[in-house]
Amino acid sequence: MSDQGYFCPACDHRLTDERVRHVRMKGVLSGEHFSVTVPFELPAKLGEYGGECKYPGLVLAPGARVDFRCPACDHSFTLPEKHNLSALKWIDAEGNERQVVFNRVLGRRMTAVVCLEQGRVLEVLGDEEEELTASLPELLGRMTWRV
């Protein structure tokens, strides 16, 4: 099995299949009078969007905010500093550890690859690059991965 893929930043649980095509996690959807936890799959390829809720009959509209969580330890991937962003640990094809930051609001296409060791953003992808690029420098100094 390859070390490449996505992992929970809290417990290192592997979130991708061996072929690194899908990121599998739990999604918590909640409102004032309800909360439901459902399985989600997101594309593992950077810059691809369009996740799939694996719950029959549940249809989500753009703008729905999903609290993505680890299926093993229930750690929330939401960044406390920026409530619309989530982050995962990512090991790239060369074995480098990175963090992938993405917007957790359905329909928002924003992804960044971050190297915390170097304290810099390596790549920004998506339709709303300017918004994400503007918020990341402030965020880099405060990002933590072990809770």
N, C-alpha and C. Protein backbone atom coordinates (compact mmCIF):
# COMPACT_ATOMS: atom_id res chain seq x y z
N MET A 1 0.84 -1.18 0.00
CA MET A 1 0.00 0.00 0.00
C MET A 1 0.89 1.25 0.00
N SER A 2 0.54 2.20 -0.82
CA SER A 2 1.27 3.45 -0.94
C SER A 2 1.00 4.33 0.27
N ASP A 3 2.00 5.14 0.64
CA ASP A 3 1.81 6.12 1.70
C ASP A 3 1.12 7.37 1.19
N GLN A 4 1.02 7.51 -0.12
CA GLN A 4 0.39 8.68 -0.72
C GLN A 4 -1.10 8.68 -0.37
N GLY A 5 -1.64 9.87 -0.10
CA GLY A 5 -3.07 9.97 0.14
C GLY A 5 -3.40 11.02 1.19
N TYR A 6 -4.65 10.99 1.63
CA TYR A 6 -5.16 11.93 2.62
C TYR A 6 -5.35 11.21 3.94
N PHE A 7 -5.07 11.95 5.04
CA PHE A 7 -5.13 11.36 6.36
C PHE A 7 -5.75 12.35 7.34
N CYS A 8 -6.30 11.81 8.42
CA CYS A 8 -6.82 12.66 9.49
C CYS A 8 -5.63 13.32 10.18
N PRO A 9 -5.67 14.63 10.38
CA PRO A 9 -4.55 15.31 11.04
C PRO A 9 -4.46 14.99 12.53
N ALA A 10 -5.51 14.42 13.12
CA ALA A 10 -5.50 14.12 14.55
C ALA A 10 -5.03 12.70 14.85
N CYS A 11 -5.50 11.70 14.07
CA CYS A 11 -5.19 10.30 14.39
C CYS A 11 -4.46 9.56 13.28
N ASP A 12 -4.22 10.21 12.14
CA ASP A 12 -3.54 9.63 10.98
C ASP A 12 -4.33 8.51 10.30
N HIS A 13 -5.63 8.44 10.55
CA HIS A 13 -6.46 7.46 9.84
C HIS A 13 -6.44 7.78 8.35
N ARG A 14 -6.22 6.76 7.52
CA ARG A 14 -6.19 6.93 6.07
C ARG A 14 -7.61 7.19 5.56
N LEU A 15 -7.79 8.29 4.81
CA LEU A 15 -9.11 8.68 4.30
C LEU A 15 -9.30 8.33 2.83
N THR A 16 -8.24 7.87 2.16
CA THR A 16 -8.34 7.55 0.74
C THR A 16 -8.18 6.05 0.51
N ASP A 17 -8.73 5.60 -0.61
CA ASP A 17 -8.54 4.22 -1.02
C ASP A 17 -7.12 4.06 -1.56
N GLU A 18 -6.70 2.84 -1.85
CA GLU A 18 -5.33 2.60 -2.31
C GLU A 18 -5.01 3.31 -3.61
N ARG A 19 -6.00 3.49 -4.45
CA ARG A 19 -5.76 4.17 -5.73
C ARG A 19 -5.83 5.69 -5.61
N VAL A 20 -6.13 6.18 -4.44
CA VAL A 20 -6.20 7.62 -4.13
C VAL A 20 -7.14 8.34 -5.08
N ARG A 21 -8.32 7.78 -5.27
CA ARG A 21 -9.32 8.41 -6.14
C ARG A 21 -10.38 9.15 -5.35
N HIS A 22 -10.66 8.70 -4.14
CA HIS A 22 -11.71 9.31 -3.33
C HIS A 22 -11.22 9.55 -1.91
N VAL A 23 -11.71 10.63 -1.31
CA VAL A 23 -11.49 10.91 0.10
C VAL A 23 -12.80 10.60 0.80
N ARG A 24 -12.75 9.67 1.73
CA ARG A 24 -13.97 9.23 2.42
C ARG A 24 -13.95 9.74 3.86
N MET A 25 -15.02 10.44 4.22
CA MET A 25 -15.15 10.98 5.57
C MET A 25 -16.61 11.08 5.95
N LYS A 26 -16.84 11.42 7.20
CA LYS A 26 -18.20 11.66 7.67
C LYS A 26 -18.53 13.12 7.44
N GLY A 27 -19.80 13.39 7.19
CA GLY A 27 -20.26 14.77 7.09
C GLY A 27 -21.42 14.97 8.04
N VAL A 28 -21.32 15.99 8.86
CA VAL A 28 -22.40 16.32 9.79
C VAL A 28 -23.13 17.53 9.23
N LEU A 29 -24.42 17.35 9.04
CA LEU A 29 -25.30 18.42 8.59
C LEU A 29 -26.22 18.73 9.76
N SER A 30 -26.34 20.01 10.09
CA SER A 30 -27.17 20.34 11.25
C SER A 30 -27.88 21.66 11.05
N GLY A 31 -28.93 21.82 11.79
CA GLY A 31 -29.72 23.04 11.81
C GLY A 31 -30.21 23.26 13.22
N GLU A 32 -31.11 24.21 13.37
CA GLU A 32 -31.58 24.55 14.70
C GLU A 32 -32.24 23.37 15.41
N HIS A 33 -32.94 22.51 14.66
CA HIS A 33 -33.68 21.42 15.30
C HIS A 33 -33.31 20.04 14.79
N PHE A 34 -32.14 19.88 14.18
CA PHE A 34 -31.75 18.56 13.70
C PHE A 34 -30.24 18.46 13.52
N SER A 35 -29.78 17.22 13.45
CA SER A 35 -28.40 16.93 13.11
C SER A 35 -28.37 15.52 12.53
N VAL A 36 -27.67 15.35 11.42
CA VAL A 36 -27.56 14.04 10.79
C VAL A 36 -26.12 13.85 10.33
N THR A 37 -25.61 12.64 10.52
CA THR A 37 -24.26 12.29 10.08
C THR A 37 -24.36 11.31 8.93
N VAL A 38 -23.70 11.64 7.83
CA VAL A 38 -23.78 10.82 6.62
C VAL A 38 -22.38 10.62 6.03
N PRO A 39 -22.17 9.52 5.31
CA PRO A 39 -20.87 9.34 4.64
C PRO A 39 -20.75 10.23 3.41
N PHE A 40 -19.56 10.77 3.20
CA PHE A 40 -19.26 11.61 2.04
C PHE A 40 -18.04 11.08 1.31
N GLU A 41 -18.01 11.29 0.01
CA GLU A 41 -16.82 11.03 -0.81
C GLU A 41 -16.54 12.30 -1.60
N LEU A 42 -15.30 12.75 -1.53
CA LEU A 42 -14.85 13.88 -2.33
C LEU A 42 -13.77 13.39 -3.28
N PRO A 43 -13.64 14.00 -4.45
CA PRO A 43 -12.56 13.61 -5.35
C PRO A 43 -11.20 13.87 -4.70
N ALA A 44 -10.27 12.95 -4.85
CA ALA A 44 -8.94 13.11 -4.25
C ALA A 44 -8.03 13.98 -5.10
N LYS A 45 -8.33 14.12 -6.38
CA LYS A 45 -7.48 14.91 -7.26
C LYS A 45 -7.64 16.40 -6.96
N LEU A 46 -6.52 17.07 -6.74
CA LEU A 46 -6.57 18.50 -6.46
C LEU A 46 -7.21 19.25 -7.61
N GLY A 47 -8.10 20.17 -7.29
CA GLY A 47 -8.76 20.98 -8.31
C GLY A 47 -10.02 20.36 -8.87
N GLU A 48 -10.32 19.12 -8.48
CA GLU A 48 -11.60 18.50 -8.88
C GLU A 48 -12.59 18.73 -7.76
N TYR A 49 -13.81 19.05 -8.14
CA TYR A 49 -14.83 19.35 -7.15
C TYR A 49 -16.06 18.49 -7.43
N GLY A 50 -17.01 18.51 -6.52
CA GLY A 50 -18.23 17.76 -6.72
C GLY A 50 -18.29 16.50 -5.89
N GLY A 51 -18.32 16.64 -4.60
CA GLY A 51 -18.42 15.49 -3.71
C GLY A 51 -19.77 14.82 -3.79
N GLU A 52 -19.84 13.66 -3.20
CA GLU A 52 -21.07 12.89 -3.23
C GLU A 52 -21.45 12.45 -1.82
N CYS A 53 -22.67 12.78 -1.46
CA CYS A 53 -23.24 12.33 -0.19
C CYS A 53 -23.73 10.91 -0.41
N LYS A 54 -23.28 9.98 0.41
CA LYS A 54 -23.61 8.57 0.25
C LYS A 54 -24.80 8.19 1.12
N TYR A 55 -25.86 8.98 1.05
CA TYR A 55 -27.07 8.70 1.82
C TYR A 55 -28.25 8.76 0.85
N PRO A 56 -28.89 7.63 0.60
CA PRO A 56 -29.98 7.59 -0.40
C PRO A 56 -31.09 8.61 -0.12
N GLY A 57 -31.42 9.36 -1.15
CA GLY A 57 -32.54 10.30 -1.05
C GLY A 57 -32.19 11.68 -0.51
N LEU A 58 -31.01 11.84 0.07
CA LEU A 58 -30.63 13.13 0.62
C LEU A 58 -30.01 13.97 -0.50
N VAL A 59 -30.60 15.12 -0.78
CA VAL A 59 -30.12 16.02 -1.82
C VAL A 59 -29.68 17.31 -1.14
N LEU A 60 -28.45 17.71 -1.42
CA LEU A 60 -27.91 18.93 -0.82
C LEU A 60 -27.79 20.02 -1.86
N ALA A 61 -28.17 21.21 -1.48
CA ALA A 61 -28.12 22.35 -2.39
C ALA A 61 -26.83 23.13 -2.17
N PRO A 62 -26.38 23.85 -3.19
CA PRO A 62 -25.22 24.73 -3.00
C PRO A 62 -25.47 25.67 -1.82
N GLY A 63 -24.44 25.88 -1.04
CA GLY A 63 -24.56 26.71 0.16
C GLY A 63 -24.66 25.90 1.44
N ALA A 64 -24.95 24.60 1.33
CA ALA A 64 -25.00 23.76 2.52
C ALA A 64 -23.60 23.68 3.12
N ARG A 65 -23.52 23.85 4.42
CA ARG A 65 -22.24 23.80 5.12
C ARG A 65 -22.10 22.45 5.80
N VAL A 66 -21.04 21.73 5.45
CA VAL A 66 -20.82 20.38 5.96
C VAL A 66 -19.65 20.39 6.94
N ASP A 67 -19.86 19.82 8.11
CA ASP A 67 -18.78 19.64 9.07
C ASP A 67 -18.16 18.28 8.79
N PHE A 68 -17.08 18.27 8.00
CA PHE A 68 -16.41 17.02 7.65
C PHE A 68 -15.63 16.52 8.87
N ARG A 69 -15.73 15.19 9.11
CA ARG A 69 -15.10 14.59 10.28
C ARG A 69 -14.41 13.28 9.94
N CYS A 70 -13.48 12.90 10.78
CA CYS A 70 -12.78 11.63 10.62
C CYS A 70 -13.72 10.48 10.97
N PRO A 71 -13.83 9.46 10.11
CA PRO A 71 -14.69 8.32 10.43
C PRO A 71 -14.13 7.46 11.57
N ALA A 72 -12.85 7.61 11.90
CA ALA A 72 -12.25 6.79 12.96
C ALA A 72 -12.30 7.47 14.34
N CYS A 73 -11.92 8.75 14.42
CA CYS A 73 -11.82 9.41 15.72
C CYS A 73 -12.83 10.55 15.91
N ASP A 74 -13.60 10.88 14.89
CA ASP A 74 -14.61 11.94 14.92
C ASP A 74 -14.03 13.36 15.01
N HIS A 75 -12.75 13.51 14.74
CA HIS A 75 -12.12 14.83 14.73
C HIS A 75 -12.73 15.68 13.62
N SER A 76 -13.12 16.90 13.94
CA SER A 76 -13.65 17.82 12.93
C SER A 76 -12.48 18.43 12.15
N PHE A 77 -12.62 18.44 10.82
CA PHE A 77 -11.58 19.01 9.96
C PHE A 77 -11.76 20.51 9.77
N THR A 78 -12.79 21.10 10.36
CA THR A 78 -13.04 22.53 10.25
C THR A 78 -11.94 23.29 11.00
N LEU A 79 -11.39 24.30 10.35
CA LEU A 79 -10.37 25.14 11.00
C LEU A 79 -11.07 26.12 11.94
N PRO A 80 -10.71 26.10 13.21
CA PRO A 80 -11.39 27.01 14.15
C PRO A 80 -11.19 28.48 13.80
N GLU A 81 -10.07 28.78 13.14
CA GLU A 81 -9.77 30.16 12.79
C GLU A 81 -10.61 30.66 11.61
N LYS A 82 -11.06 29.76 10.76
CA LYS A 82 -11.83 30.11 9.56
C LYS A 82 -12.92 29.08 9.40
N HIS A 83 -14.11 29.39 9.82
CA HIS A 83 -15.19 28.41 9.92
C HIS A 83 -15.68 27.86 8.59
N ASN A 84 -15.38 28.49 7.48
CA ASN A 84 -15.79 27.94 6.18
C ASN A 84 -14.72 27.03 5.57
N LEU A 85 -13.59 26.88 6.24
CA LEU A 85 -12.51 26.07 5.70
C LEU A 85 -12.27 24.81 6.52
N SER A 86 -11.91 23.75 5.81
CA SER A 86 -11.50 22.49 6.43
C SER A 86 -10.10 22.17 5.95
N ALA A 87 -9.39 21.31 6.69
CA ALA A 87 -8.03 20.94 6.30
C ALA A 87 -7.76 19.47 6.60
N LEU A 88 -7.01 18.86 5.69
CA LEU A 88 -6.61 17.46 5.83
C LEU A 88 -5.10 17.36 5.66
N LYS A 89 -4.52 16.34 6.26
CA LYS A 89 -3.11 16.01 6.02
C LYS A 89 -3.04 15.28 4.68
N TRP A 90 -2.05 15.63 3.86
CA TRP A 90 -1.89 15.02 2.54
C TRP A 90 -0.45 14.63 2.35
N ILE A 91 -0.22 13.40 1.92
CA ILE A 91 1.12 12.95 1.53
C ILE A 91 1.11 12.88 0.01
N ASP A 92 1.98 13.67 -0.62
CA ASP A 92 2.00 13.71 -2.09
C ASP A 92 2.78 12.53 -2.66
N ALA A 93 2.85 12.45 -3.98
CA ALA A 93 3.49 11.32 -4.67
C ALA A 93 4.97 11.19 -4.34
N GLU A 94 5.61 12.28 -3.93
CA GLU A 94 7.03 12.24 -3.57
C GLU A 94 7.24 11.94 -2.09
N GLY A 95 6.15 11.78 -1.34
CA GLY A 95 6.25 11.48 0.08
C GLY A 95 6.31 12.71 0.98
N ASN A 96 6.08 13.90 0.42
CA ASN A 96 6.09 15.13 1.22
C ASN A 96 4.77 15.30 1.95
N GLU A 97 4.86 15.70 3.22
CA GLU A 97 3.64 15.96 3.98
C GLU A 97 3.20 17.40 3.74
N ARG A 98 1.95 17.55 3.36
CA ARG A 98 1.34 18.86 3.10
C ARG A 98 -0.01 18.91 3.82
N GLN A 99 -0.61 20.07 3.80
CA GLN A 99 -1.97 20.23 4.27
C GLN A 99 -2.79 20.75 3.10
N VAL A 100 -3.96 20.18 2.92
CA VAL A 100 -4.87 20.65 1.88
C VAL A 100 -6.02 21.34 2.59
N VAL A 101 -6.19 22.62 2.29
CA VAL A 101 -7.25 23.44 2.87
C VAL A 101 -8.31 23.62 1.79
N PHE A 102 -9.57 23.39 2.15
CA PHE A 102 -10.64 23.51 1.17
C PHE A 102 -11.88 24.10 1.82
N ASN A 103 -12.73 24.69 0.98
CA ASN A 103 -13.97 25.29 1.47
C ASN A 103 -14.98 24.19 1.73
N ARG A 104 -15.62 24.21 2.89
CA ARG A 104 -16.57 23.17 3.26
C ARG A 104 -18.02 23.52 2.92
N VAL A 105 -18.20 24.64 2.25
CA VAL A 105 -19.53 25.04 1.81
C VAL A 105 -19.75 24.48 0.40
N LEU A 106 -20.80 23.68 0.23
CA LEU A 106 -21.05 23.06 -1.06
C LEU A 106 -21.24 24.11 -2.15
N GLY A 107 -20.58 23.89 -3.27
CA GLY A 107 -20.65 24.82 -4.39
C GLY A 107 -19.50 25.81 -4.43
N ARG A 108 -18.77 25.96 -3.33
CA ARG A 108 -17.61 26.86 -3.30
C ARG A 108 -16.40 26.05 -3.74
N ARG A 109 -15.69 26.52 -4.72
CA ARG A 109 -14.56 25.79 -5.30
C ARG A 109 -13.26 26.49 -4.94
N MET A 110 -12.71 26.10 -3.80
CA MET A 110 -11.50 26.72 -3.29
C MET A 110 -10.64 25.64 -2.64
N THR A 111 -9.38 25.53 -3.06
CA THR A 111 -8.45 24.56 -2.49
C THR A 111 -7.07 25.19 -2.43
N ALA A 112 -6.34 24.91 -1.37
CA ALA A 112 -4.95 25.37 -1.27
C ALA A 112 -4.10 24.23 -0.72
N VAL A 113 -2.88 24.14 -1.23
CA VAL A 113 -1.89 23.20 -0.71
C VAL A 113 -0.91 24.03 0.12
N VAL A 114 -0.71 23.63 1.37
CA VAL A 114 0.07 24.40 2.32
C VAL A 114 1.21 23.54 2.86
N CYS A 115 2.36 24.14 3.02
CA CYS A 115 3.49 23.49 3.69
C CYS A 115 3.72 24.24 5.00
N LEU A 116 3.34 23.62 6.11
CA LEU A 116 3.50 24.28 7.40
C LEU A 116 4.96 24.41 7.80
N GLU A 117 5.80 23.44 7.43
CA GLU A 117 7.23 23.52 7.76
C GLU A 117 7.87 24.77 7.17
N GLN A 118 7.50 25.09 5.94
CA GLN A 118 8.05 26.27 5.27
C GLN A 118 7.21 27.51 5.54
N GLY A 119 6.02 27.33 6.12
CA GLY A 119 5.16 28.46 6.41
C GLY A 119 4.65 29.17 5.18
N ARG A 120 4.35 28.38 4.13
CA ARG A 120 3.89 29.05 2.90
C ARG A 120 2.85 28.23 2.15
N VAL A 121 2.13 28.94 1.33
CA VAL A 121 1.13 28.35 0.45
C VAL A 121 1.85 27.93 -0.82
N LEU A 122 1.69 26.67 -1.22
CA LEU A 122 2.38 26.16 -2.40
C LEU A 122 1.54 26.29 -3.66
N GLU A 123 0.22 26.18 -3.51
CA GLU A 123 -0.65 26.22 -4.69
C GLU A 123 -2.07 26.58 -4.25
N VAL A 124 -2.75 27.35 -5.07
CA VAL A 124 -4.15 27.70 -4.83
C VAL A 124 -4.92 27.38 -6.09
N LEU A 125 -6.04 26.70 -5.92
CA LEU A 125 -6.87 26.26 -7.04
C LEU A 125 -8.33 26.67 -6.81
N GLY A 126 -9.07 26.75 -7.90
CA GLY A 126 -10.51 26.98 -7.79
C GLY A 126 -10.96 28.30 -8.34
N ASP A 127 -12.27 28.51 -8.22
CA ASP A 127 -12.90 29.71 -8.78
C ASP A 127 -12.74 30.94 -7.90
N GLU A 128 -12.42 30.74 -6.64
CA GLU A 128 -12.36 31.85 -5.70
C GLU A 128 -10.98 31.96 -5.07
N GLU A 129 -9.97 31.91 -5.91
CA GLU A 129 -8.58 31.92 -5.44
C GLU A 129 -8.25 33.16 -4.63
N GLU A 130 -8.74 34.32 -5.06
CA GLU A 130 -8.38 35.56 -4.38
C GLU A 130 -8.83 35.55 -2.93
N GLU A 131 -10.05 35.08 -2.67
CA GLU A 131 -10.57 35.05 -1.30
C GLU A 131 -9.73 34.12 -0.42
N LEU A 132 -9.40 32.96 -0.94
CA LEU A 132 -8.61 32.00 -0.17
C LEU A 132 -7.18 32.51 0.02
N THR A 133 -6.58 33.04 -1.01
CA THR A 133 -5.22 33.56 -0.93
C THR A 133 -5.13 34.68 0.10
N ALA A 134 -6.14 35.52 0.18
CA ALA A 134 -6.14 36.64 1.13
C ALA A 134 -6.21 36.16 2.58
N SER A 135 -6.90 35.06 2.84
CA SER A 135 -7.07 34.61 4.22
C SER A 135 -5.96 33.69 4.71
N LEU A 136 -5.18 33.08 3.81
CA LEU A 136 -4.20 32.09 4.24
C LEU A 136 -2.97 32.63 4.96
N PRO A 137 -2.37 33.75 4.55
CA PRO A 137 -1.17 34.18 5.28
C PRO A 137 -1.41 34.38 6.78
N GLU A 138 -2.52 34.98 7.13
CA GLU A 138 -2.86 35.19 8.54
C GLU A 138 -3.08 33.84 9.23
N LEU A 139 -3.65 32.91 8.51
CA LEU A 139 -4.00 31.61 9.05
C LEU A 139 -2.79 30.71 9.27
N LEU A 140 -1.77 30.82 8.43
CA LEU A 140 -0.62 29.91 8.49
C LEU A 140 0.05 29.86 9.86
N GLY A 141 0.21 30.99 10.49
CA GLY A 141 0.88 31.03 11.78
C GLY A 141 0.11 30.38 12.89
N ARG A 142 -1.21 30.20 12.71
CA ARG A 142 -2.04 29.67 13.78
C ARG A 142 -2.52 28.24 13.53
N MET A 143 -2.25 27.68 12.36
CA MET A 143 -2.75 26.36 12.05
C MET A 143 -2.07 25.31 12.92
N THR A 144 -2.86 24.47 13.53
CA THR A 144 -2.34 23.36 14.33
C THR A 144 -3.03 22.09 13.88
N TRP A 145 -2.35 20.96 14.04
CA TRP A 145 -2.88 19.71 13.50
C TRP A 145 -3.17 18.68 14.57
N ARG A 146 -2.54 18.74 15.67
CA ARG A 146 -2.81 17.78 16.75
C ARG A 146 -3.68 18.47 17.79
N VAL A 147 -4.78 17.84 18.13
CA VAL A 147 -5.70 18.44 19.09
C VAL A 147 -5.73 17.61 20.35
